[in-house]
């Protein structure tokens, strides 16, 4: 998985609906992930939680969950499928409408243009520079 800066993650988090924000940090979600991992003897619980968090934040389509579990955690296909189905049932179903709103019909991530404060300042500086040097915007 691609690493994303904490600032960028917080900026994305701030744009989420309240139900998804609650699900990301809820005790129910963490308990579900912990129980599922213990049941299937997966020791990398924090990595599973990180992958689930990416789905809840709109960064990883739910249909890619099983494949990502296999790739990132080197799980066998049948174990990854069981874990994926249980996460779908115990975590994603509670916020199904909100997740559907984050993703298009075909499961692709909707384009997000979330900027951190530093990126906002840089883009504002660029737009100010462009206004000064744009000859087509001269006052007539």
Protein backbone atom coordinates (compact mmCIF):
# COMPACT_ATOMS: atom_id res chain seq x y z
CA UNK A 1 0.00 0.00 0.00
CA UNK A 2 1.12 3.48 -0.75
CA UNK A 3 2.12 5.47 2.31
CA UNK A 4 0.15 8.66 2.84
CA UNK A 5 1.28 11.45 5.15
CA UNK A 6 -0.54 12.00 8.43
CA UNK A 7 -1.53 15.50 7.33
CA UNK A 8 -3.13 14.15 4.16
CA UNK A 9 -4.92 11.39 6.10
CA UNK A 10 -6.33 13.92 8.58
CA UNK A 11 -7.43 16.18 5.72
CA UNK A 12 -9.27 13.25 4.12
CA UNK A 13 -10.72 12.22 7.49
CA UNK A 14 -12.18 15.70 7.98
CA UNK A 15 -14.16 15.37 4.73
CA UNK A 16 -15.85 12.10 5.74
CA UNK A 17 -19.44 11.75 6.94
CA UNK A 18 -19.81 11.47 10.72
CA UNK A 19 -20.80 7.79 10.59
CA UNK A 20 -17.55 6.88 8.83
CA UNK A 21 -15.52 9.02 11.23
CA UNK A 22 -17.16 7.18 14.12
CA UNK A 23 -16.59 3.76 12.51
CA UNK A 24 -12.88 4.40 12.01
CA UNK A 25 -12.22 4.93 15.71
CA UNK A 26 -15.09 2.96 17.24
CA UNK A 27 -14.63 0.26 19.83
CA UNK A 28 -17.00 -1.98 17.85
CA UNK A 29 -14.80 -1.77 14.76
CA UNK A 30 -11.61 -2.48 16.67
CA UNK A 31 -13.23 -5.36 18.57
CA UNK A 32 -14.54 -6.85 15.33
CA UNK A 33 -11.13 -6.66 13.67
CA UNK A 34 -9.41 -8.11 16.74
CA UNK A 35 -11.90 -10.99 17.04
CA UNK A 36 -11.73 -11.81 13.32
CA UNK A 37 -7.94 -11.85 13.38
CA UNK A 38 -7.82 -14.02 16.50
CA UNK A 39 -10.34 -16.46 15.03
CA UNK A 40 -8.22 -16.88 11.89
CA UNK A 41 -4.90 -16.75 13.77
CA UNK A 42 -3.68 -13.60 12.03
CA UNK A 43 -1.02 -11.93 14.14
CA UNK A 44 -0.72 -8.69 12.17
CA UNK A 45 -3.90 -7.18 13.60
CA UNK A 46 -2.70 -3.59 13.24
CA UNK A 47 -2.03 -4.15 9.52
CA UNK A 48 -5.55 -5.52 9.05
CA UNK A 49 -6.91 -2.48 10.91
CA UNK A 50 -4.89 -0.18 8.65
CA UNK A 51 -6.32 -1.83 5.52
CA UNK A 52 -9.88 -1.61 6.89
CA UNK A 53 -9.25 2.04 7.75
CA UNK A 54 -8.19 2.73 4.16
CA UNK A 55 -11.50 1.31 2.94
CA UNK A 56 -13.47 3.39 5.45
CA UNK A 57 -11.61 6.53 4.38
CA UNK A 58 -12.34 6.01 0.69
CA UNK A 59 -8.75 5.13 -0.21
CA UNK A 60 -9.22 1.44 -1.05
CA UNK A 61 -12.34 0.06 -2.77
CA UNK A 62 -14.08 -2.63 -0.69
CA UNK A 63 -13.83 -5.02 -3.64
CA UNK A 64 -10.02 -4.83 -3.28
CA UNK A 65 -10.04 -5.83 0.41
CA UNK A 66 -9.45 -9.57 -0.06
CA UNK A 67 -6.74 -9.07 -2.67
CA UNK A 68 -5.02 -6.48 -0.47
CA UNK A 69 -5.15 -8.79 2.56
CA UNK A 70 -3.53 -11.51 0.48
CA UNK A 71 -0.83 -9.25 -0.93
CA UNK A 72 0.03 -7.22 2.16
CA UNK A 73 -0.21 -9.98 4.75
CA UNK A 74 0.74 -12.97 2.59
CA UNK A 75 -2.47 -14.77 3.56
CA UNK A 76 -3.81 -17.81 1.78
CA UNK A 77 -6.73 -17.06 -0.50
CA UNK A 78 -9.34 -18.95 1.54
CA UNK A 79 -8.29 -17.24 4.80
CA UNK A 80 -8.29 -13.81 3.14
CA UNK A 81 -11.79 -14.49 1.75
CA UNK A 82 -13.13 -15.53 5.17
CA UNK A 83 -11.60 -12.47 6.84
CA UNK A 84 -12.92 -10.21 4.07
CA UNK A 85 -16.44 -11.60 4.35
CA UNK A 86 -16.46 -11.17 8.12
CA UNK A 87 -15.13 -7.60 7.91
CA UNK A 88 -17.81 -6.87 5.32
CA UNK A 89 -20.47 -8.24 7.67
CA UNK A 90 -19.31 -6.83 11.01
CA UNK A 91 -17.74 -3.52 9.95
CA UNK A 92 -18.77 -2.37 6.47
CA UNK A 93 -22.48 -3.27 6.62
CA UNK A 94 -22.98 -0.79 9.47
CA UNK A 95 -21.85 2.06 7.19
CA UNK A 96 -22.90 0.64 3.81
CA UNK A 97 -24.71 3.76 2.60
CA UNK A 98 -21.78 6.00 3.46
CA UNK A 99 -19.30 3.66 1.78
CA UNK A 100 -21.48 3.50 -1.33
CA UNK A 101 -21.42 7.30 -1.44
CA UNK A 102 -17.59 7.28 -1.39
CA UNK A 103 -17.28 4.89 -4.31
CA UNK A 104 -18.78 4.89 -7.79
CA UNK A 105 -20.99 2.05 -9.07
CA UNK A 106 -18.06 0.11 -10.53
CA UNK A 107 -16.15 0.29 -7.25
CA UNK A 108 -13.60 2.90 -8.28
CA UNK A 109 -12.66 5.58 -5.85
CA UNK A 110 -14.31 8.90 -6.52
CA UNK A 111 -11.70 11.55 -7.22
CA UNK A 112 -10.86 13.50 -4.09
CA UNK A 113 -9.07 16.80 -4.16
CA UNK A 114 -8.28 17.20 -0.51
CA UNK A 115 -5.39 19.52 0.24
CA UNK A 116 -3.39 19.97 3.40
CA UNK A 117 -2.80 23.50 4.71
CA UNK A 118 0.66 23.61 3.11
CA UNK A 119 -0.74 22.60 -0.27
CA UNK A 120 -3.51 25.21 0.02
CA UNK A 121 -0.97 27.97 0.69
CA UNK A 122 1.20 26.86 -2.27
CA UNK A 123 -1.78 26.78 -4.64
CA UNK A 124 -2.88 30.24 -3.47
CA UNK A 125 0.64 31.59 -4.08
CA UNK A 126 0.64 30.08 -7.58
CA UNK A 127 -2.74 31.61 -8.41
CA UNK A 128 -1.53 35.04 -7.22
CA UNK A 129 1.61 34.73 -9.38
CA UNK A 130 -0.49 33.75 -12.38
CA UNK A 131 -2.77 36.74 -11.99
CA UNK A 132 0.18 39.16 -12.04
CA UNK A 133 1.79 37.66 -15.14
CA UNK A 134 -1.39 36.91 -17.13
CA UNK A 135 -1.47 39.48 -19.96
CA UNK A 136 -4.95 38.39 -21.02
CA UNK A 137 -6.38 39.62 -17.75
CA UNK A 138 -5.23 43.20 -18.09
CA UNK A 139 -7.74 45.87 -17.18
CA UNK A 140 -9.20 47.37 -20.33
